[in-house]
Structure formats: structure tokens, C-alpha cells
Amino acid sequence: YLGTLSKVMFPALRLGYLVLPAGLVEPFARAKLLADGGSAFLEQEALADFIASGAFERHIRRARIWNAERRSTLLRALTQHFGDTVEVVGANAGLHVVAWFHDVPRRQARAVVERAGALGVGVYPVTPYYETAPAALGLLLGYGALTTRAITTGIARLADAIAPARRRR
């Protein structure tokens, strides 16, 4: 298993990990040393102590609760402001979702993103991730670093940003 601690701790830590069978640990450690000897020793040692003490596990449990609350707030706010005109994908895990606004044409993406930005809401269109652009507006919505109040306020502002695009259909 390969993972990173960027999202569960903080991005500046810049440490990843591999879970390997015992027989592969030494060969992988040698390969890592040959390929990249740049991982910070002090940070690795501090993290090892953090894990061994049980504090990391407690942190993960708290983070899951916080993120579930934020995700739930986001989904409620989307339903409140957009009803059945929005379809949310990826709401089971992670720190972001994709929201498909079926009543807003994709060609309105730039205008919606600009209006949302002017209202202090950062959203990203999904069209750059598609070879053939979808018909509806799809936006990537992150919530991991936001308070529940900021999420509620942000979705209300997003509704204001999307309203003119709905009228231009």
C-alpha cells in the first residue's frame, strides 16, 4: 500500500509511506536511498514517535468526524439551494466532491467560476479533465479546510453565482 500524509496531517510535511511485506522492506529502502536521499530525518523520527504514541490514530479518528460533519453540511446546503437539479459525485470519501448542475449548460462554466470568485467562493470546472466536454456544468467543490459556517455561506453564494446562468439557458 502506498500513501501520503499530506491530507491527513499537513501538506508541508511532504512524507509518504509504503506498507510492504517484510521481505521487501530492505530492497525498497535501498532503492529509495539510491533514487532519493532527501527525506528529512527529523520529520520522519517525529512522525514515527507520533504514530507509536497513538496520537496519530486519535488524530485520524477526530479528522474523520470533522470531515464527515463538513461533508454532511455541504450536501445539505447543496440540496437546500439546488434541490434535485444538482447531482453530487464522490461524496463517500475524500475532501472534495463533484457537483453536476444539470440545469446549467457547460458553456456557462467560466462565467459561473468568475462570479463565484467575485463572491469569495473558489470553485473549479471539471471540463479540463474531460476529452469530450460534458453538456452540464460540473464543478469541483473542496470542503476539507472550511468550517461548516463557511461551507453554508459558500454554497449560498454559489447559488447566487449560478442563478444568472440558469436564466440564460
N, C-alpha and C. Protein backbone atom coordinates (compact mmCIF):
# COMPACT_ATOMS: atom_id res chain seq x y z
N TYR A 1 0.84 -1.17 0.00
CA TYR A 1 0.00 0.00 0.00
C TYR A 1 0.88 1.23 0.00
N LEU A 2 0.58 2.20 -0.85
CA LEU A 2 1.31 3.46 -0.97
C LEU A 2 0.40 4.59 -0.54
N GLY A 3 0.91 5.49 0.28
CA GLY A 3 0.09 6.61 0.73
C GLY A 3 0.93 7.83 1.03
N THR A 4 0.25 8.91 1.38
CA THR A 4 0.90 10.16 1.74
C THR A 4 0.24 10.70 3.01
N LEU A 5 0.96 11.52 3.72
CA LEU A 5 0.44 12.13 4.93
C LEU A 5 -0.01 13.57 4.68
N SER A 6 0.03 14.01 3.43
CA SER A 6 -0.29 15.40 3.10
C SER A 6 -1.69 15.80 3.53
N LYS A 7 -2.67 14.93 3.30
CA LYS A 7 -4.05 15.30 3.62
C LYS A 7 -4.43 14.99 5.05
N VAL A 8 -3.84 13.98 5.64
CA VAL A 8 -4.23 13.62 7.00
C VAL A 8 -3.44 14.36 8.06
N MET A 9 -2.33 14.96 7.69
CA MET A 9 -1.54 15.75 8.63
C MET A 9 -1.51 17.20 8.14
N PHE A 10 -0.53 17.49 7.28
CA PHE A 10 -0.48 18.79 6.63
C PHE A 10 0.46 18.68 5.43
N PRO A 11 0.13 19.40 4.34
CA PRO A 11 0.87 19.26 3.08
C PRO A 11 2.36 19.53 3.18
N ALA A 12 2.76 20.44 4.05
CA ALA A 12 4.19 20.80 4.13
C ALA A 12 5.05 19.66 4.66
N LEU A 13 4.44 18.66 5.28
CA LEU A 13 5.22 17.54 5.81
C LEU A 13 5.93 16.79 4.69
N ARG A 14 5.30 16.64 3.55
CA ARG A 14 5.90 16.04 2.35
C ARG A 14 6.49 14.65 2.62
N LEU A 15 5.76 13.82 3.35
CA LEU A 15 6.19 12.46 3.60
C LEU A 15 5.13 11.48 3.10
N GLY A 16 5.60 10.43 2.48
CA GLY A 16 4.73 9.35 2.06
C GLY A 16 5.17 8.06 2.72
N TYR A 17 4.45 6.99 2.43
CA TYR A 17 4.80 5.72 3.05
C TYR A 17 4.41 4.56 2.16
N LEU A 18 5.05 3.44 2.41
CA LEU A 18 4.73 2.17 1.76
C LEU A 18 4.51 1.13 2.84
N VAL A 19 3.49 0.32 2.69
CA VAL A 19 3.29 -0.83 3.55
C VAL A 19 3.66 -2.04 2.71
N LEU A 20 4.70 -2.75 3.15
CA LEU A 20 5.27 -3.83 2.36
C LEU A 20 5.38 -5.12 3.17
N PRO A 21 5.42 -6.25 2.47
CA PRO A 21 5.76 -7.49 3.17
C PRO A 21 7.20 -7.37 3.70
N ALA A 22 7.46 -8.02 4.81
CA ALA A 22 8.76 -7.91 5.48
C ALA A 22 9.94 -8.14 4.53
N GLY A 23 9.82 -9.09 3.61
CA GLY A 23 10.91 -9.40 2.70
C GLY A 23 11.22 -8.32 1.69
N LEU A 24 10.33 -7.38 1.51
CA LEU A 24 10.55 -6.31 0.53
C LEU A 24 11.01 -4.99 1.17
N VAL A 25 10.98 -4.90 2.48
CA VAL A 25 11.34 -3.65 3.14
C VAL A 25 12.76 -3.23 2.81
N GLU A 26 13.72 -4.11 3.01
CA GLU A 26 15.13 -3.76 2.76
C GLU A 26 15.39 -3.40 1.30
N PRO A 27 14.94 -4.19 0.31
CA PRO A 27 15.17 -3.80 -1.09
C PRO A 27 14.55 -2.44 -1.44
N PHE A 28 13.36 -2.16 -0.92
CA PHE A 28 12.73 -0.87 -1.20
C PHE A 28 13.47 0.27 -0.50
N ALA A 29 13.95 0.04 0.71
CA ALA A 29 14.72 1.06 1.41
C ALA A 29 15.99 1.40 0.64
N ARG A 30 16.67 0.39 0.11
CA ARG A 30 17.88 0.63 -0.69
C ARG A 30 17.54 1.40 -1.96
N ALA A 31 16.48 1.00 -2.63
CA ALA A 31 16.08 1.68 -3.87
C ALA A 31 15.72 3.14 -3.58
N LYS A 32 15.05 3.39 -2.48
CA LYS A 32 14.68 4.76 -2.10
C LYS A 32 15.94 5.58 -1.86
N LEU A 33 16.90 5.00 -1.17
CA LEU A 33 18.15 5.72 -0.89
C LEU A 33 18.88 6.07 -2.18
N LEU A 34 18.89 5.16 -3.14
CA LEU A 34 19.54 5.42 -4.42
C LEU A 34 18.80 6.47 -5.24
N ALA A 35 17.47 6.42 -5.19
CA ALA A 35 16.66 7.31 -6.02
C ALA A 35 16.49 8.69 -5.39
N ASP A 36 16.40 8.73 -4.04
CA ASP A 36 16.09 10.00 -3.39
C ASP A 36 16.50 9.91 -1.94
N GLY A 37 17.57 10.50 -1.58
CA GLY A 37 18.01 10.52 -0.19
C GLY A 37 17.56 11.77 0.53
N GLY A 38 16.53 12.45 0.01
CA GLY A 38 16.19 13.78 0.51
C GLY A 38 15.10 13.86 1.55
N SER A 39 14.54 12.76 2.03
CA SER A 39 13.51 12.87 3.06
C SER A 39 14.14 13.32 4.37
N ALA A 40 13.50 14.26 5.01
CA ALA A 40 14.04 14.86 6.23
C ALA A 40 14.01 13.87 7.40
N PHE A 41 15.15 13.61 7.98
CA PHE A 41 15.29 12.65 9.07
C PHE A 41 14.49 13.07 10.29
N LEU A 42 14.61 14.31 10.71
CA LEU A 42 13.94 14.78 11.92
C LEU A 42 12.42 14.62 11.81
N GLU A 43 11.86 14.99 10.67
CA GLU A 43 10.42 14.86 10.48
C GLU A 43 9.98 13.40 10.51
N GLN A 44 10.79 12.52 9.92
CA GLN A 44 10.46 11.09 9.95
C GLN A 44 10.48 10.55 11.38
N GLU A 45 11.48 10.92 12.13
CA GLU A 45 11.57 10.46 13.52
C GLU A 45 10.42 11.00 14.36
N ALA A 46 10.09 12.28 14.19
CA ALA A 46 8.98 12.87 14.95
C ALA A 46 7.67 12.17 14.58
N LEU A 47 7.48 11.90 13.30
CA LEU A 47 6.27 11.21 12.86
C LEU A 47 6.21 9.79 13.41
N ALA A 48 7.33 9.09 13.42
CA ALA A 48 7.37 7.73 13.97
C ALA A 48 6.97 7.75 15.44
N ASP A 49 7.45 8.72 16.20
CA ASP A 49 7.06 8.85 17.61
C ASP A 49 5.57 9.17 17.74
N PHE A 50 5.08 10.04 16.88
CA PHE A 50 3.66 10.42 16.87
C PHE A 50 2.78 9.20 16.63
N ILE A 51 3.19 8.36 15.69
CA ILE A 51 2.44 7.15 15.38
C ILE A 51 2.52 6.15 16.54
N ALA A 52 3.73 5.92 17.04
CA ALA A 52 3.93 4.95 18.11
C ALA A 52 3.19 5.33 19.39
N SER A 53 3.01 6.61 19.63
CA SER A 53 2.34 7.07 20.86
C SER A 53 0.82 6.89 20.80
N GLY A 54 0.29 6.64 19.61
CA GLY A 54 -1.16 6.54 19.47
C GLY A 54 -1.82 7.85 19.10
N ALA A 55 -1.06 8.94 19.11
CA ALA A 55 -1.63 10.27 18.81
C ALA A 55 -2.10 10.36 17.37
N PHE A 56 -1.40 9.69 16.46
CA PHE A 56 -1.79 9.73 15.05
C PHE A 56 -3.16 9.08 14.87
N GLU A 57 -3.36 7.94 15.50
CA GLU A 57 -4.66 7.25 15.41
C GLU A 57 -5.78 8.13 15.97
N ARG A 58 -5.54 8.79 17.10
CA ARG A 58 -6.54 9.69 17.67
C ARG A 58 -6.82 10.86 16.71
N HIS A 59 -5.77 11.38 16.10
CA HIS A 59 -5.93 12.46 15.12
C HIS A 59 -6.81 12.01 13.95
N ILE A 60 -6.55 10.82 13.44
CA ILE A 60 -7.34 10.30 12.31
C ILE A 60 -8.80 10.15 12.70
N ARG A 61 -9.07 9.64 13.88
CA ARG A 61 -10.46 9.49 14.34
C ARG A 61 -11.17 10.84 14.40
N ARG A 62 -10.49 11.84 14.98
CA ARG A 62 -11.09 13.18 15.06
C ARG A 62 -11.29 13.77 13.67
N ALA A 63 -10.31 13.60 12.78
CA ALA A 63 -10.41 14.14 11.42
C ALA A 63 -11.58 13.51 10.68
N ARG A 64 -11.80 12.23 10.85
CA ARG A 64 -12.94 11.57 10.19
C ARG A 64 -14.26 12.18 10.65
N ILE A 65 -14.37 12.45 11.93
CA ILE A 65 -15.59 13.06 12.46
C ILE A 65 -15.76 14.46 11.90
N TRP A 66 -14.69 15.26 11.93
CA TRP A 66 -14.76 16.63 11.40
C TRP A 66 -15.13 16.62 9.92
N ASN A 67 -14.46 15.76 9.16
CA ASN A 67 -14.71 15.73 7.71
C ASN A 67 -16.11 15.23 7.40
N ALA A 68 -16.61 14.28 8.16
CA ALA A 68 -17.98 13.80 7.95
C ALA A 68 -18.98 14.92 8.21
N GLU A 69 -18.72 15.72 9.24
CA GLU A 69 -19.60 16.85 9.54
C GLU A 69 -19.56 17.89 8.41
N ARG A 70 -18.38 18.19 7.92
CA ARG A 70 -18.26 19.15 6.81
C ARG A 70 -18.94 18.62 5.55
N ARG A 71 -18.71 17.35 5.25
CA ARG A 71 -19.32 16.74 4.06
C ARG A 71 -20.85 16.77 4.17
N SER A 72 -21.36 16.43 5.34
CA SER A 72 -22.81 16.45 5.57
C SER A 72 -23.36 17.86 5.41
N THR A 73 -22.66 18.84 5.94
CA THR A 73 -23.07 20.25 5.80
C THR A 73 -23.10 20.65 4.33
N LEU A 74 -22.08 20.25 3.59
CA LEU A 74 -22.02 20.58 2.17
C LEU A 74 -23.19 19.96 1.41
N LEU A 75 -23.46 18.69 1.65
CA LEU A 75 -24.54 18.01 0.95
C LEU A 75 -25.90 18.61 1.29
N ARG A 76 -26.11 18.95 2.57
CA ARG A 76 -27.37 19.60 2.96
C ARG A 76 -27.53 20.95 2.29
N ALA A 77 -26.45 21.72 2.26
CA ALA A 77 -26.52 23.06 1.64
C ALA A 77 -26.78 22.95 0.14
N LEU A 78 -26.14 22.00 -0.52
CA LEU A 78 -26.40 21.81 -1.95
C LEU A 78 -27.85 21.45 -2.20
N THR A 79 -28.39 20.55 -1.39
CA THR A 79 -29.80 20.16 -1.54
C THR A 79 -30.71 21.34 -1.26
N GLN A 80 -30.40 22.10 -0.23
CA GLN A 80 -31.23 23.26 0.12
C GLN A 80 -31.28 24.28 -1.01
N HIS A 81 -30.15 24.55 -1.63
CA HIS A 81 -30.09 25.63 -2.63
C HIS A 81 -30.38 25.16 -4.06
N PHE A 82 -30.15 23.87 -4.33
CA PHE A 82 -30.28 23.41 -5.71
C PHE A 82 -31.27 22.27 -5.89
N GLY A 83 -31.72 21.68 -4.80
CA GLY A 83 -32.71 20.60 -4.88
C GLY A 83 -32.25 19.47 -5.78
N ASP A 84 -33.17 19.01 -6.62
CA ASP A 84 -32.86 17.87 -7.49
C ASP A 84 -32.18 18.29 -8.79
N THR A 85 -31.80 19.57 -8.92
CA THR A 85 -31.07 20.00 -10.11
C THR A 85 -29.57 19.76 -9.99
N VAL A 86 -29.12 19.33 -8.80
CA VAL A 86 -27.70 19.04 -8.60
C VAL A 86 -27.54 17.54 -8.31
N GLU A 87 -26.48 16.98 -8.89
CA GLU A 87 -26.10 15.59 -8.63
C GLU A 87 -24.68 15.62 -8.08
N VAL A 88 -24.49 15.03 -6.92
CA VAL A 88 -23.18 15.04 -6.28
C VAL A 88 -22.52 13.68 -6.46
N VAL A 89 -21.27 13.71 -6.90
CA VAL A 89 -20.49 12.51 -7.14
C VAL A 89 -19.25 12.56 -6.24
N GLY A 90 -18.91 11.44 -5.64
CA GLY A 90 -17.71 11.37 -4.81
C GLY A 90 -17.92 11.80 -3.38
N ALA A 91 -19.16 11.73 -2.90
CA ALA A 91 -19.45 12.21 -1.55
C ALA A 91 -19.13 11.18 -0.46
N ASN A 92 -18.69 9.98 -0.85
CA ASN A 92 -18.44 8.94 0.15
C ASN A 92 -17.09 9.07 0.85
N ALA A 93 -16.14 9.75 0.24
CA ALA A 93 -14.80 9.85 0.83
C ALA A 93 -14.08 11.05 0.25
N GLY A 94 -12.96 11.37 0.83
CA GLY A 94 -12.14 12.46 0.32
C GLY A 94 -12.53 13.79 0.93
N LEU A 95 -11.95 14.85 0.38
CA LEU A 95 -12.18 16.19 0.89
C LEU A 95 -12.76 17.11 -0.17
N HIS A 96 -13.31 16.52 -1.21
CA HIS A 96 -13.97 17.30 -2.25
C HIS A 96 -15.03 16.43 -2.92
N VAL A 97 -15.94 17.08 -3.63
CA VAL A 97 -16.96 16.38 -4.41
C VAL A 97 -17.05 17.06 -5.77
N VAL A 98 -17.68 16.37 -6.70
CA VAL A 98 -18.04 17.00 -7.97
C VAL A 98 -19.54 17.19 -7.95
N ALA A 99 -19.97 18.40 -8.23
CA ALA A 99 -21.39 18.71 -8.28
C ALA A 99 -21.76 18.99 -9.73
N TRP A 100 -22.73 18.24 -10.24
CA TRP A 100 -23.23 18.43 -11.60
C TRP A 100 -24.52 19.23 -11.52
N PHE A 101 -24.53 20.37 -12.17
CA PHE A 101 -25.70 21.24 -12.20
C PHE A 101 -26.39 21.02 -13.54
N HIS A 102 -27.37 20.15 -13.54
CA HIS A 102 -27.99 19.70 -14.80
C HIS A 102 -28.81 20.78 -15.49
N ASP A 103 -29.16 21.83 -14.78
CA ASP A 103 -29.94 22.90 -15.40
C ASP A 103 -29.06 24.08 -15.85
N VAL A 104 -27.73 23.89 -15.84
CA VAL A 104 -26.80 24.94 -16.27
C VAL A 104 -25.90 24.36 -17.36
N PRO A 105 -25.91 24.98 -18.54
CA PRO A 105 -25.05 24.47 -19.62
C PRO A 105 -23.57 24.68 -19.31
N ARG A 106 -22.75 23.76 -19.79
CA ARG A 106 -21.30 23.81 -19.58
C ARG A 106 -20.71 25.12 -20.06
N ARG A 107 -21.24 25.68 -21.11
CA ARG A 107 -20.67 26.93 -21.67
C ARG A 107 -20.71 28.09 -20.67
N GLN A 108 -21.48 27.93 -19.60
CA GLN A 108 -21.57 28.96 -18.55
C GLN A 108 -20.49 28.80 -17.48
N ALA A 109 -19.64 27.79 -17.61
CA ALA A 109 -18.66 27.48 -16.56
C ALA A 109 -17.77 28.66 -16.22
N ARG A 110 -17.18 29.28 -17.20
CA ARG A 110 -16.26 30.39 -16.92
C ARG A 110 -16.97 31.53 -16.19
N ALA A 111 -18.15 31.89 -16.66
CA ALA A 111 -18.90 32.98 -16.02
C ALA A 111 -19.27 32.62 -14.59
N VAL A 112 -19.70 31.38 -14.35
CA VAL A 112 -20.06 30.95 -13.00
C VAL A 112 -18.84 31.00 -12.09
N VAL A 113 -17.72 30.47 -12.55
CA VAL A 113 -16.49 30.45 -11.74
C VAL A 113 -16.06 31.89 -11.42
N GLU A 114 -16.14 32.79 -12.39
CA GLU A 114 -15.75 34.19 -12.15
C GLU A 114 -16.69 34.87 -11.17
N ARG A 115 -18.00 34.67 -11.34
CA ARG A 115 -18.96 35.28 -10.40
C ARG A 115 -18.76 34.71 -8.99
N ALA A 116 -18.56 33.40 -8.89
CA ALA A 116 -18.33 32.79 -7.58
C ALA A 116 -17.06 33.37 -6.95
N GLY A 117 -16.00 33.50 -7.73
CA GLY A 117 -14.76 34.07 -7.22
C GLY A 117 -14.94 35.49 -6.72
N ALA A 118 -15.73 36.27 -7.45
CA ALA A 118 -16.01 37.65 -7.03
C ALA A 118 -16.78 37.68 -5.71
N LEU A 119 -17.51 36.60 -5.42
CA LEU A 119 -18.26 36.49 -4.17
C LEU A 119 -17.44 35.81 -3.07
N GLY A 120 -16.17 35.50 -3.37
CA GLY A 120 -15.30 34.89 -2.37
C GLY A 120 -15.37 33.38 -2.30
N VAL A 121 -15.88 32.75 -3.36
CA VAL A 121 -16.03 31.29 -3.38
C VAL A 121 -15.16 30.72 -4.49
N GLY A 122 -14.24 29.85 -4.14
CA GLY A 122 -13.37 29.22 -5.12
C GLY A 122 -13.94 27.87 -5.55
N VAL A 123 -14.31 27.77 -6.81
CA VAL A 123 -14.78 26.51 -7.39
C VAL A 123 -14.03 26.31 -8.70
N TYR A 124 -13.98 25.06 -9.15
CA TYR A 124 -13.21 24.74 -10.34
C TYR A 124 -14.05 23.91 -11.29
N PRO A 125 -14.08 24.27 -12.56
CA PRO A 125 -14.84 23.46 -13.52
C PRO A 125 -14.14 22.13 -13.77
N VAL A 126 -14.93 21.10 -14.07
CA VAL A 126 -14.36 19.78 -14.32
C VAL A 126 -13.99 19.58 -15.79
N THR A 127 -14.38 20.50 -16.65
CA THR A 127 -14.15 20.31 -18.09
C THR A 127 -12.69 20.06 -18.47
N PRO A 128 -11.68 20.64 -17.78
CA PRO A 128 -10.30 20.32 -18.16
C PRO A 128 -9.94 18.84 -18.01
N TYR A 129 -10.73 18.10 -17.26
CA TYR A 129 -10.45 16.69 -17.02
C TYR A 129 -11.16 15.77 -18.01
N TYR A 130 -11.82 16.34 -18.99
CA TYR A 130 -12.57 15.56 -19.96
C TYR A 130 -12.01 15.78 -21.36
N GLU A 131 -11.91 14.70 -22.11
CA GLU A 131 -11.52 14.82 -23.52
C GLU A 131 -12.69 15.40 -24.31
N THR A 132 -13.88 14.88 -24.07
CA THR A 132 -15.10 15.41 -24.68
C THR A 132 -15.90 16.05 -23.55
N ALA A 133 -16.09 17.34 -23.63
CA ALA A 133 -16.73 18.08 -22.54
C ALA A 133 -18.17 17.62 -22.33
N PRO A 134 -18.58 17.48 -21.07
CA PRO A 134 -19.96 17.11 -20.77
C PRO A 134 -20.91 18.27 -21.07
N ALA A 135 -22.18 17.98 -21.21
CA ALA A 135 -23.17 19.00 -21.55
C ALA A 135 -23.47 19.91 -20.36
N ALA A 136 -23.52 19.35 -19.16
CA ALA A 136 -23.90 20.13 -17.99
C ALA A 136 -22.67 20.72 -17.31
N LEU A 137 -22.92 21.70 -16.46
CA LEU A 137 -21.86 22.32 -15.67
C LEU A 137 -21.47 21.38 -14.53
N GLY A 138 -20.19 21.06 -14.46
CA GLY A 138 -19.66 20.27 -13.36
C GLY A 138 -18.62 21.08 -12.63
N LEU A 139 -18.74 21.17 -11.32
CA LEU A 139 -17.80 21.93 -10.51
C LEU A 139 -17.19 21.06 -9.43
N LEU A 140 -15.90 21.24 -9.21
CA LEU A 140 -15.18 20.58 -8.13
C LEU A 140 -15.30 21.48 -6.90
N LEU A 141 -15.83 20.92 -5.81
CA LEU A 141 -16.04 21.68 -4.58
C LEU A 141 -15.24 21.04 -3.45
N GLY A 142 -14.28 21.76 -2.93
CA GLY A 142 -13.49 21.28 -1.80
C GLY A 142 -14.07 21.79 -0.50
N TYR A 143 -13.97 20.98 0.56
CA TYR A 143 -14.53 21.40 1.84
C TYR A 143 -13.62 21.09 3.03
N GLY A 144 -12.52 20.43 2.81
CA GLY A 144 -11.67 19.96 3.90
C GLY A 144 -11.11 21.05 4.79
N ALA A 145 -10.83 22.21 4.26
CA ALA A 145 -10.20 23.27 5.04
C ALA A 145 -11.20 24.32 5.51
N LEU A 146 -12.49 24.06 5.32
CA LEU A 146 -13.51 25.05 5.64
C LEU A 146 -14.29 24.69 6.90
N THR A 147 -14.79 25.71 7.57
CA THR A 147 -15.70 25.48 8.68
C THR A 147 -17.08 25.19 8.12
N THR A 148 -17.95 24.62 8.95
CA THR A 148 -19.31 24.35 8.48
C THR A 148 -20.02 25.66 8.13
N ARG A 149 -19.75 26.70 8.87
CA ARG A 149 -20.36 28.01 8.57
C ARG A 149 -19.88 28.53 7.21
N ALA A 150 -18.58 28.40 6.94
CA ALA A 150 -18.05 28.84 5.65
C ALA A 150 -18.64 28.02 4.51
N ILE A 151 -18.87 26.75 4.73
CA ILE A 151 -19.47 25.90 3.69
C ILE A 151 -20.89 26.37 3.40
N THR A 152 -21.68 26.58 4.44
CA THR A 152 -23.07 27.02 4.27
C THR A 152 -23.12 28.37 3.55
N THR A 153 -22.28 29.30 3.97
CA THR A 153 -22.22 30.61 3.33
C THR A 153 -21.75 30.49 1.89
N GLY A 154 -20.74 29.67 1.66
CA GLY A 154 -20.19 29.50 0.33
C GLY A 154 -21.20 28.92 -0.66
N ILE A 155 -21.97 27.95 -0.25
CA ILE A 155 -22.96 27.35 -1.15
C ILE A 155 -24.08 28.34 -1.43
N ALA A 156 -24.46 29.15 -0.46
CA ALA A 156 -25.46 30.20 -0.71
C ALA A 156 -24.93 31.19 -1.74
N ARG A 157 -23.67 31.55 -1.62
CA ARG A 157 -23.05 32.47 -2.60
C ARG A 157 -22.92 31.80 -3.97
N LEU A 158 -22.60 30.51 -3.97
CA LEU A 158 -22.53 29.78 -5.24
C LEU A 158 -23.89 29.79 -5.92
N ALA A 159 -24.95 29.64 -5.16
CA ALA A 159 -26.31 29.70 -5.73
C ALA A 159 -26.54 31.05 -6.39
N ASP A 160 -26.07 32.12 -5.76
CA ASP A 160 -26.18 33.46 -6.36
C ASP A 160 -25.36 33.55 -7.64
N ALA A 161 -24.20 32.92 -7.66
CA ALA A 161 -23.34 32.95 -8.85
C ALA A 161 -23.93 32.13 -9.99
N ILE A 162 -24.65 31.09 -9.66
CA ILE A 162 -25.22 30.20 -10.70
C ILE A 162 -26.55 30.74 -11.22
N ALA A 163 -27.28 31.50 -10.41
CA ALA A 163 -28.61 31.98 -10.80
C ALA A 163 -28.65 32.63 -12.19
N PRO A 164 -27.74 33.55 -12.52
CA PRO A 164 -27.80 34.14 -13.86
C PRO A 164 -27.57 33.14 -14.98
N ALA A 165 -26.79 32.11 -14.73
CA ALA A 165 -26.53 31.09 -15.76
C ALA A 165 -27.78 30.27 -16.03
N ARG A 166 -28.59 30.09 -15.04
CA ARG A 166 -29.84 29.37 -15.22
C ARG A 166 -30.80 30.16 -16.09
N ARG A 167 -30.79 31.46 -15.95
CA ARG A 167 -31.70 32.30 -16.74
C ARG A 167 -31.31 32.35 -18.21
N ARG A 168 -30.03 32.10 -18.49
CA ARG A 168 -29.55 32.21 -19.89
C ARG A 168 -29.68 30.92 -20.66
N ARG A 169 -30.30 29.93 -20.10
CA ARG A 169 -30.42 28.64 -20.78
C ARG A 169 -31.09 28.79 -22.06
